[in-house]
Amino acid sequence: MGVSDGVKIKRQRSASVEFRKFGEVNLKSDGNTGESSFAEYSVGFDLKSGALKSGAGLGELWNNTIAEKCVGLWFYKRYDQLRGASDRLIAMSESGQMYEKRLTAGPFYQISGLVFSQKPEGVCYNYNGDDVIIFASGEDGTFIYDGNQVTSIPSAPPITSACMHYERLFVTVEGGRTLWFSDDFDPTNWSVSLSEAGFIDLVDFRGEMLKALSFLDYLYVFRSYGITRISAYGKQEEFTVSNLFTSSGKILKNSITVCGDRIIFFASDGIYSFNGLTATKIFEGLDGFVDYSYEQTKGQYFDGKAYFMTKIHKGDVLCDALMIIEVFSGTYYFIEGLGIVDIQLIDGRSAYELAFLDGAGIKVFRLDGKGGKLGIPYRKEWKSKFGDFGIRKKKNLTEVSLFTATRITLEVNCDGKTFQFDVPGGEERKAVRPNIRGYKFSFKIICEEENADVSALTVNFGYYL
């Protein structure tokens, strides 16, 4: 018996989608337009190579503990004329007491006479030929610590940020409208005159002064809604002021981080890169993923990468995360769940490290490349975009294959239903055959082992015309 006239025979077709790389989180891309290689969500995996590899981990910097729970870190770069290199890490406890540890040896011990009710600003300075660190807060005042004793500077204004620029200490103060500067070579002299200290009022729509930075031979003042540049060397009467950038979003003070030849900072409307003249918004695909309202976002620059303590959205939940930016390649990734409360660059004569204060507040950690914390692997996830991959028909997912060095979990979401598959590690390509029918799919890779290395994800579909 033949086929009757008018009966349409469906023809079976097949399609293959190859993930040439595993891309970064980008919420502006759409899985329905073929941009499935970008991630809807990704934590723990370093994505620079296009494969999923374990990101940075944390190991002990020292096995010493601090006597109290601490909330902040500072690096004190010091050279002692008698002892040589005497670099130190200083930590502040919840009670306001300051503790220090020499980088080369010894425990953390209490600094007598140095106590704060709020987290102070700290800046290293060479005063009268001696390396000191100056601590200041608007609430508690300003103090010089020379490694042995603490000296108060009662004449200093109520400082909220400080930097050294052409041998003067430039500071922003409470109220945020006046930039003060000390006398040449003397951070204890705040007597206002043309030959000593002075101040500059900046009163306009750019708002409160947040932070002063010495960068590319100029002094830059970051304000709530803009950046002001000051040429500040030589005589006071030769100082000049120019406004360079106006922001539509509020700038987050602690995020302002010098990263080699640029400054990266967060604002309430995104992440920016500033080259000394112009500020450009970067990583716009992270809008909606990173919490730009998190005021405590803090950055440090170490070994070509910028590290930011921030928060990210995981569904309806906000999670603490470390964002790591490869500055010159422009790639980035996130690690969630490390449990850190502060980060500080150690750029000394005896050590070059990025230090992390653990959530318990009594231990200091350093970076390692093992994808875990103290040898315990953290959870790593990468989730693709949800879409139909350009095929507007019901499809049968026939095979998913990839290479993976370690055991992983492959999670397939089909039209809102989730299916999980255990995939062993090895040198050969691994394949699973889900035989799932639906219109839209997403793929999640989960790894809870160190030394992850996942690549070449390929997805095969069958469908009828």
Protein backbone atom coordinates (compact mmCIF):
# COMPACT_ATOMS: atom_id res chain seq x y z
CA MET A 1 0.00 0.00 0.00
CA GLY A 2 1.51 3.37 -0.95
CA VAL A 3 1.42 6.65 0.88
CA SER A 4 -1.75 8.64 0.25
CA ASP A 5 -1.54 11.94 -1.56
CA GLY A 6 -1.34 14.94 0.76
CA VAL A 7 0.29 13.10 3.68
CA LYS A 8 3.42 14.99 4.80
CA ILE A 9 6.40 12.87 5.78
CA LYS A 10 8.48 14.37 8.59
CA ARG A 11 12.17 14.32 7.90
CA GLN A 12 14.57 13.75 10.77
CA ARG A 13 17.47 16.13 11.15
CA SER A 14 20.36 16.36 13.56
CA ALA A 15 22.29 19.31 14.94
CA SER A 16 25.45 19.73 16.97
CA VAL A 17 26.33 22.66 19.22
CA GLU A 18 29.99 22.99 20.12
CA PHE A 19 31.08 25.14 23.06
CA ARG A 20 34.41 26.31 21.66
CA LYS A 21 35.11 27.93 24.99
CA PHE A 22 33.49 28.35 28.37
CA GLY A 23 32.79 32.07 28.59
CA GLU A 24 32.46 34.46 31.51
CA VAL A 25 29.21 35.52 33.12
CA ASN A 26 27.40 37.83 30.72
CA LEU A 27 23.75 38.54 31.45
CA LYS A 28 23.37 40.67 28.31
CA SER A 29 23.86 37.71 25.96
CA ASP A 30 20.97 35.43 24.95
CA GLY A 31 21.06 31.64 24.55
CA ASN A 32 18.47 31.91 21.76
CA THR A 33 20.86 33.90 19.58
CA GLY A 34 23.70 31.42 19.60
CA GLU A 35 25.60 33.05 22.48
CA SER A 36 25.30 29.98 24.67
CA SER A 37 29.04 29.91 25.40
CA PHE A 38 28.59 32.81 27.83
CA ALA A 39 27.63 31.85 31.36
CA GLU A 40 24.45 32.59 33.26
CA TYR A 41 26.35 31.82 36.45
CA SER A 42 29.94 30.82 37.17
CA VAL A 43 31.98 30.54 40.37
CA GLY A 44 35.27 28.85 41.20
CA PHE A 45 36.44 28.21 37.65
CA ASP A 46 39.24 30.25 36.07
CA LEU A 47 38.00 30.89 32.51
CA LYS A 48 41.00 32.62 30.94
CA SER A 49 42.00 29.68 28.70
CA GLY A 50 38.44 28.94 27.59
CA ALA A 51 38.47 25.70 29.59
CA LEU A 52 37.09 25.31 33.11
CA LYS A 53 40.10 25.17 35.41
CA SER A 54 40.39 25.49 39.17
CA GLY A 55 40.71 29.07 40.28
CA ALA A 56 42.94 30.47 43.00
CA GLY A 57 42.93 28.90 46.43
CA LEU A 58 43.97 29.91 49.92
CA GLY A 59 46.74 28.44 52.05
CA GLU A 60 48.28 29.54 55.33
CA LEU A 61 50.65 32.48 55.15
CA TRP A 62 51.74 31.74 58.72
CA ASN A 63 50.56 29.21 61.25
CA ASN A 64 50.41 31.99 63.87
CA THR A 65 47.04 33.07 65.24
CA ILE A 66 46.00 36.52 66.50
CA ALA A 67 44.84 36.86 70.11
CA GLU A 68 41.52 38.50 69.16
CA LYS A 69 39.12 38.34 66.24
CA CYS A 70 40.28 40.95 63.71
CA VAL A 71 38.47 42.94 61.03
CA GLY A 72 41.20 44.78 59.10
CA LEU A 73 44.73 44.49 57.68
CA TRP A 74 47.52 46.97 56.79
CA PHE A 75 51.05 46.53 55.47
CA TYR A 76 53.84 48.52 57.12
CA LYS A 77 56.93 48.68 54.91
CA ARG A 78 59.88 49.41 57.17
CA TYR A 79 63.65 49.36 56.91
CA ASP A 80 65.47 49.58 60.22
CA GLN A 81 68.93 51.13 60.10
CA LEU A 82 70.23 48.61 62.65
CA ARG A 83 68.22 45.45 61.83
CA GLY A 84 67.65 45.86 58.10
CA ALA A 85 64.31 44.82 56.59
CA SER A 86 61.61 44.97 59.28
CA ASP A 87 58.40 44.79 57.20
CA ARG A 88 55.22 44.05 59.15
CA LEU A 89 51.58 43.15 58.79
CA ILE A 90 49.22 44.97 61.14
CA ALA A 91 45.73 43.76 62.07
CA MET A 92 42.92 45.53 63.92
CA SER A 93 40.70 43.57 66.31
CA GLU A 94 36.97 44.04 66.88
CA SER A 95 37.86 45.82 70.13
CA GLY A 96 40.00 48.33 68.20
CA GLN A 97 43.34 47.01 69.41
CA MET A 98 46.14 46.85 66.83
CA TYR A 99 48.41 43.79 66.47
CA GLU A 100 51.52 43.43 64.35
CA LYS A 101 53.74 40.65 63.06
CA ARG A 102 57.14 40.90 61.43
CA LEU A 103 57.05 39.15 58.08
CA THR A 104 60.26 37.22 58.64
CA ALA A 105 59.57 35.68 62.05
CA GLY A 106 57.76 35.89 65.36
CA PRO A 107 54.13 35.95 66.56
CA PHE A 108 51.48 38.66 66.41
CA TYR A 109 51.86 40.98 69.34
CA GLN A 110 49.89 43.96 70.61
CA ILE A 111 50.94 47.51 69.72
CA SER A 112 50.79 49.50 72.92
CA GLY A 113 48.99 52.84 72.78
CA LEU A 114 47.30 52.35 69.40
CA VAL A 115 43.53 51.74 69.69
CA PHE A 116 40.71 52.84 67.36
CA SER A 117 36.94 52.91 67.65
CA GLN A 118 36.56 52.71 63.85
CA LYS A 119 38.71 51.25 61.09
CA PRO A 120 41.39 53.87 60.33
CA GLU A 121 43.22 54.84 57.18
CA GLY A 122 46.85 53.75 57.05
CA VAL A 123 49.65 55.13 54.87
CA CYS A 124 53.40 54.50 54.91
CA TYR A 125 55.66 57.56 55.00
CA ASN A 126 59.38 58.28 55.35
CA TYR A 127 59.57 60.86 58.14
CA ASN A 128 62.93 62.35 59.04
CA GLY A 129 64.66 59.43 57.36
CA ASP A 130 62.65 56.82 59.26
CA ASP A 131 59.98 54.54 57.75
CA VAL A 132 56.75 55.08 59.68
CA ILE A 133 53.08 54.29 59.20
CA ILE A 134 50.45 56.95 59.81
CA PHE A 135 47.05 55.83 61.08
CA ALA A 136 44.10 58.22 61.07
CA SER A 137 40.36 58.25 61.59
CA GLY A 138 37.97 61.14 61.87
CA GLU A 139 36.71 59.80 65.19
CA ASP A 140 39.99 58.94 66.93
CA GLY A 141 42.60 61.29 65.46
CA THR A 142 45.94 60.80 63.71
CA PHE A 143 49.00 58.90 64.97
CA ILE A 144 52.51 58.06 63.78
CA TYR A 145 53.87 54.61 64.56
CA ASP A 146 57.61 54.16 63.99
CA GLY A 147 57.83 50.48 64.86
CA ASN A 148 58.52 51.20 68.52
CA GLN A 149 56.35 54.03 69.79
CA VAL A 150 53.15 55.88 68.94
CA THR A 151 53.02 59.67 68.58
CA SER A 152 49.80 61.65 68.33
CA ILE A 153 49.32 64.49 65.79
CA PRO A 154 46.65 66.63 67.48
CA SER A 155 46.78 69.37 64.83
CA ALA A 156 45.75 67.06 61.97
CA PRO A 157 42.22 67.47 60.53
CA PRO A 158 39.66 64.63 60.89
CA ILE A 159 41.09 62.40 58.14
CA THR A 160 38.99 59.95 56.07
CA SER A 161 41.62 59.00 53.44
CA ALA A 162 45.29 59.81 52.91
CA CYS A 163 48.11 59.44 50.40
CA MET A 164 51.65 60.70 50.01
CA HIS A 165 52.32 62.88 46.95
CA TYR A 166 55.52 64.87 46.36
CA GLU A 167 56.49 64.58 50.04
CA ARG A 168 53.23 66.03 51.31
CA LEU A 169 50.43 64.11 52.96
CA PHE A 170 47.18 64.82 51.11
CA VAL A 171 43.98 63.92 52.96
CA THR A 172 40.25 64.02 52.56
CA VAL A 173 38.36 64.94 55.71
CA GLU A 174 34.98 64.51 57.34
CA GLY A 175 32.37 66.53 55.50
CA GLY A 176 34.01 65.65 52.22
CA ARG A 177 34.31 69.12 50.67
CA THR A 178 37.89 70.09 51.58
CA LEU A 179 41.20 68.51 50.58
CA TRP A 180 43.97 69.21 53.09
CA PHE A 181 47.71 68.86 52.61
CA SER A 182 50.54 68.91 55.13
CA ASP A 183 53.78 70.84 55.00
CA ASP A 184 56.60 69.51 52.79
CA PHE A 185 58.35 66.55 54.43
CA ASP A 186 56.37 67.04 57.66
CA PRO A 187 53.03 65.23 58.20
CA THR A 188 52.84 66.73 61.70
CA ASN A 189 52.62 70.34 60.45
CA TRP A 190 49.09 71.39 59.47
CA SER A 191 49.56 75.15 60.00
CA VAL A 192 47.91 76.88 57.05
CA SER A 193 50.17 79.28 55.18
CA LEU A 194 51.67 79.64 51.69
CA SER A 195 54.91 78.13 52.94
CA GLU A 196 53.49 75.32 55.11
CA ALA A 197 50.20 73.37 55.01
CA GLY A 198 46.98 74.29 53.24
CA PHE A 199 43.66 73.15 51.84
CA ILE A 200 41.59 73.18 48.65
CA ASP A 201 37.80 73.45 48.69
CA LEU A 202 35.96 71.41 46.03
CA VAL A 203 32.31 72.35 46.21
CA ASP A 204 30.24 71.32 43.18
CA PHE A 205 27.76 68.71 41.97
CA ARG A 206 30.38 65.90 41.98
CA GLY A 207 29.80 65.56 45.70
CA GLU A 208 31.81 64.35 48.66
CA MET A 209 35.52 63.59 48.39
CA LEU A 210 36.06 59.88 49.00
CA LYS A 211 39.71 59.13 48.36
CA ALA A 212 42.96 60.85 47.35
CA LEU A 213 45.42 58.91 45.17
CA SER A 214 48.86 59.68 43.74
CA PHE A 215 48.80 58.30 40.18
CA LEU A 216 50.78 59.03 36.99
CA ASP A 217 52.46 62.13 38.47
CA TYR A 218 49.15 63.76 39.46
CA LEU A 219 46.96 63.76 42.53
CA TYR A 220 43.48 62.40 41.84
CA VAL A 221 40.54 62.95 44.13
CA PHE A 222 37.71 60.47 43.70
CA ARG A 223 34.40 61.91 44.71
CA SER A 224 30.90 60.47 45.09
CA TYR A 225 30.04 61.30 41.46
CA GLY A 226 33.26 62.19 39.70
CA ILE A 227 37.04 62.51 39.56
CA THR A 228 39.11 65.67 40.02
CA ARG A 229 42.77 65.95 39.01
CA ILE A 230 45.18 68.23 40.85
CA SER A 231 48.65 69.21 39.69
CA ALA A 232 50.31 69.47 43.10
CA TYR A 233 54.06 69.85 43.12
CA GLY A 234 56.23 72.86 43.75
CA LYS A 235 54.72 75.94 45.34
CA GLN A 236 51.15 75.97 46.58
CA GLU A 237 50.21 78.94 44.41
CA GLU A 238 51.10 76.84 41.35
CA PHE A 239 48.64 74.02 42.19
CA THR A 240 45.95 73.59 39.49
CA VAL A 241 42.60 71.78 39.58
CA SER A 242 40.65 70.19 36.70
CA ASN A 243 37.53 68.01 36.70
CA LEU A 244 37.85 64.98 34.40
CA PHE A 245 34.89 62.68 34.88
CA THR A 246 31.31 62.84 36.04
CA SER A 247 29.64 59.59 37.06
CA SER A 248 25.93 58.82 36.85
CA GLY A 249 26.39 56.22 39.62
CA LYS A 250 27.79 56.67 43.11
CA ILE A 251 31.44 55.59 43.36
CA LEU A 252 32.30 53.00 46.04
CA LYS A 253 35.28 54.30 48.03
CA ASN A 254 37.11 51.09 48.98
CA SER A 255 36.85 49.69 45.46
CA ILE A 256 39.14 52.39 44.01
CA THR A 257 42.27 50.41 43.14
CA VAL A 258 45.42 51.36 41.22
CA CYS A 259 46.15 48.52 38.79
CA GLY A 260 49.40 49.38 37.03
CA ASP A 261 48.60 51.94 34.34
CA ARG A 262 44.93 52.27 35.22
CA ILE A 263 42.54 52.56 38.15
CA ILE A 264 39.61 50.17 38.41
CA PHE A 265 36.64 51.13 40.55
CA PHE A 266 33.04 50.13 41.19
CA ALA A 267 30.09 52.50 41.12
CA SER A 268 26.39 51.92 41.71
CA ASP A 269 25.92 51.60 37.92
CA GLY A 270 28.84 49.32 37.07
CA ILE A 271 32.59 48.76 36.95
CA TYR A 272 34.95 51.36 35.42
CA SER A 273 38.52 51.59 34.18
CA PHE A 274 40.22 54.99 34.46
CA ASN A 275 43.44 55.80 32.54
CA GLY A 276 44.20 59.20 34.07
CA LEU A 277 42.02 61.13 31.62
CA THR A 278 38.84 59.18 30.91
CA ALA A 279 36.78 56.53 32.69
CA THR A 280 35.22 53.73 30.62
CA LYS A 281 32.59 51.29 31.79
CA ILE A 282 33.79 47.68 31.54
CA PHE A 283 32.22 44.23 31.95
CA GLU A 284 28.68 45.48 31.28
CA GLY A 285 27.46 41.90 31.05
CA LEU A 286 27.84 41.70 34.84
CA ASP A 287 24.99 44.16 35.42
CA GLY A 288 22.48 42.26 37.53
CA PHE A 289 25.04 39.68 38.66
CA VAL A 290 27.39 41.80 40.79
CA ASP A 291 25.82 43.77 43.62
CA TYR A 292 26.93 47.32 42.85
CA SER A 293 25.24 48.65 45.99
CA TYR A 294 27.67 46.82 48.31
CA GLU A 295 29.54 49.69 49.95
CA GLN A 296 32.26 47.45 51.42
CA THR A 297 33.54 46.31 48.02
CA LYS A 298 37.34 46.43 48.33
CA GLY A 299 40.13 45.91 45.82
CA GLN A 300 43.86 45.10 45.77
CA TYR A 301 46.24 44.66 42.82
CA PHE A 302 48.71 41.79 42.87
CA ASP A 303 50.89 40.18 40.20
CA GLY A 304 48.92 41.54 37.22
CA LYS A 305 45.50 40.75 38.65
CA ALA A 306 42.93 42.83 40.51
CA TYR A 307 41.15 41.16 43.42
CA PHE A 308 37.84 42.55 44.66
CA MET A 309 35.86 41.46 47.69
CA THR A 310 32.27 41.93 46.57
CA LYS A 311 28.83 40.31 46.50
CA ILE A 312 27.07 38.45 43.69
CA HIS A 313 23.52 37.30 43.04
CA LYS A 314 22.87 33.56 43.24
CA GLY A 315 19.21 33.45 42.40
CA ASP A 316 17.47 35.51 45.07
CA VAL A 317 20.42 35.21 47.48
CA LEU A 318 23.39 37.58 47.81
CA CYS A 319 26.69 35.76 48.38
CA ASP A 320 30.14 37.00 49.35
CA ALA A 321 32.56 36.52 46.48
CA LEU A 322 36.07 37.30 45.34
CA MET A 323 36.21 38.74 41.81
CA ILE A 324 39.55 38.19 40.07
CA ILE A 325 40.32 40.32 37.00
CA GLU A 326 43.23 39.56 34.66
CA VAL A 327 43.84 43.25 33.99
CA PHE A 328 45.62 43.17 30.64
CA SER A 329 43.61 40.36 29.01
CA GLY A 330 40.31 41.65 30.40
CA THR A 331 39.14 38.22 31.58
CA TYR A 332 37.58 37.65 34.98
CA TYR A 333 36.09 35.02 37.23
CA PHE A 334 34.53 34.68 40.69
CA ILE A 335 35.14 32.48 43.73
CA GLU A 336 32.30 32.13 46.23
CA GLY A 337 32.45 30.94 49.82
CA LEU A 338 36.08 31.63 50.77
CA GLY A 339 35.00 33.38 53.97
CA ILE A 340 37.36 36.37 54.00
CA VAL A 341 36.85 39.74 55.67
CA ASP A 342 39.81 41.77 54.37
CA ILE A 343 42.61 41.68 51.80
CA GLN A 344 45.95 43.49 51.83
CA LEU A 345 48.91 43.61 49.45
CA ILE A 346 52.26 42.83 51.06
CA ASP A 347 54.82 44.54 48.85
CA GLY A 348 57.94 44.39 50.98
CA ARG A 349 61.64 43.79 50.84
CA SER A 350 61.28 40.32 52.31
CA ALA A 351 57.95 39.18 50.82
CA TYR A 352 55.50 39.81 47.99
CA GLU A 353 52.11 38.31 48.81
CA LEU A 354 48.40 39.00 48.81
CA ALA A 355 47.17 38.48 52.37
CA PHE A 356 43.61 37.47 53.29
CA LEU A 357 42.07 37.81 56.74
CA ASP A 358 39.92 34.77 57.37
CA GLY A 359 36.29 35.09 58.45
CA ALA A 360 37.18 33.86 61.93
CA GLY A 361 39.51 36.87 62.16
CA ILE A 362 42.48 35.14 63.76
CA LYS A 363 44.34 33.66 60.77
CA VAL A 364 46.01 35.17 57.70
CA PHE A 365 46.06 33.30 54.40
CA ARG A 366 47.88 33.65 51.09
CA LEU A 367 47.05 32.75 47.50
CA ASP A 368 47.83 29.33 46.13
CA GLY A 369 46.68 27.67 42.93
CA LYS A 370 44.97 24.56 44.28
CA GLY A 371 41.31 25.51 43.93
CA GLY A 372 40.54 25.08 47.60
CA LYS A 373 41.02 26.46 51.08
CA LEU A 374 43.57 24.75 53.32
CA GLY A 375 43.52 21.75 51.00
CA ILE A 376 39.73 21.40 51.02
CA PRO A 377 38.33 21.94 47.49
CA TYR A 378 35.57 24.50 47.13
CA ARG A 379 32.51 23.97 44.93
CA LYS A 380 32.95 25.14 41.34
CA GLU A 381 30.00 25.73 39.01
CA TRP A 382 29.49 26.90 35.44
CA LYS A 383 25.97 27.24 34.03
CA SER A 384 25.26 27.98 30.38
CA LYS A 385 22.58 30.24 28.99
CA PHE A 386 19.08 28.78 28.74
CA GLY A 387 17.90 28.67 25.15
CA ASP A 388 16.89 26.77 22.03
CA PHE A 389 20.27 27.24 20.27
CA GLY A 390 18.57 28.69 17.19
CA ILE A 391 16.32 25.65 16.58
CA ARG A 392 12.71 26.69 17.18
CA LYS A 393 11.43 23.13 17.39
CA LYS A 394 11.11 20.38 19.95
CA LYS A 395 14.39 18.53 20.14
CA ASN A 396 15.67 15.25 21.45
CA LEU A 397 18.95 15.66 23.35
CA THR A 398 20.83 12.58 22.16
CA GLU A 399 24.35 13.11 23.52
CA VAL A 400 26.49 15.44 25.61
CA SER A 401 30.25 14.88 25.53
CA LEU A 402 33.33 16.63 26.91
CA PHE A 403 36.83 16.18 28.28
CA THR A 404 37.34 16.34 32.04
CA ALA A 405 40.39 15.54 34.13
CA THR A 406 38.35 15.02 37.31
CA ARG A 407 34.96 13.66 38.28
CA ILE A 408 32.17 16.17 37.64
CA THR A 409 28.39 16.39 37.75
CA LEU A 410 26.65 17.38 34.52
CA GLU A 411 23.26 18.98 35.12
CA VAL A 412 20.86 19.38 32.21
CA ASN A 413 17.81 21.62 32.49
CA CYS A 414 15.10 20.99 29.91
CA ASP A 415 12.11 23.32 29.91
CA GLY A 416 12.44 23.79 33.67
CA LYS A 417 13.09 20.16 34.60
CA THR A 418 16.55 19.18 35.88
CA PHE A 419 18.46 15.95 35.20
CA GLN A 420 21.86 15.05 36.69
CA PHE A 421 24.59 12.77 35.36
CA ASP A 422 27.80 11.67 37.05
CA VAL A 423 30.81 11.93 34.72
CA PRO A 424 34.14 10.30 35.68
CA GLY A 425 37.46 11.94 34.94
CA GLY A 426 40.10 10.67 32.55
CA GLU A 427 42.07 11.38 29.40
CA GLU A 428 39.42 10.24 26.89
CA ARG A 429 36.31 12.17 25.84
CA LYS A 430 33.37 11.30 28.10
CA ALA A 431 29.82 11.07 26.80
CA VAL A 432 26.35 10.77 28.32
CA ARG A 433 23.15 10.05 26.35
CA PRO A 434 20.25 11.76 28.14
CA ASN A 435 17.46 11.12 25.55
CA ILE A 436 15.52 14.14 26.85
CA ARG A 437 12.90 15.92 24.71
CA GLY A 438 12.11 19.61 24.95
CA TYR A 439 12.42 23.08 23.47
CA LYS A 440 15.00 24.85 25.62
CA PHE A 441 18.07 23.58 27.45
CA SER A 442 20.86 24.73 29.73
CA PHE A 443 23.93 22.86 30.95
CA LYS A 444 25.66 23.13 34.30
CA ILE A 445 29.03 21.66 35.20
CA ILE A 446 29.77 21.11 38.90
CA CYS A 447 33.17 20.10 40.24
CA GLU A 448 34.11 19.57 43.88
CA GLU A 449 37.68 18.38 43.31
CA GLU A 450 40.98 20.19 42.98
CA ASN A 451 42.77 20.56 39.64
CA ALA A 452 39.61 20.80 37.53
CA ASP A 453 40.12 20.91 33.76
CA VAL A 454 36.98 20.68 31.59
CA SER A 455 36.89 21.47 27.89
CA ALA A 456 35.27 20.85 24.48
CA LEU A 457 31.62 20.49 25.50
CA THR A 458 29.59 19.24 22.52
CA VAL A 459 25.81 18.80 22.49
CA ASN A 460 23.94 16.72 19.87
CA PHE A 461 20.20 17.05 19.10
CA GLY A 462 17.75 15.27 16.85
CA TYR A 463 14.57 16.92 15.59
CA TYR A 464 11.97 16.71 12.81
CA LEU A 465 11.25 19.26 10.09
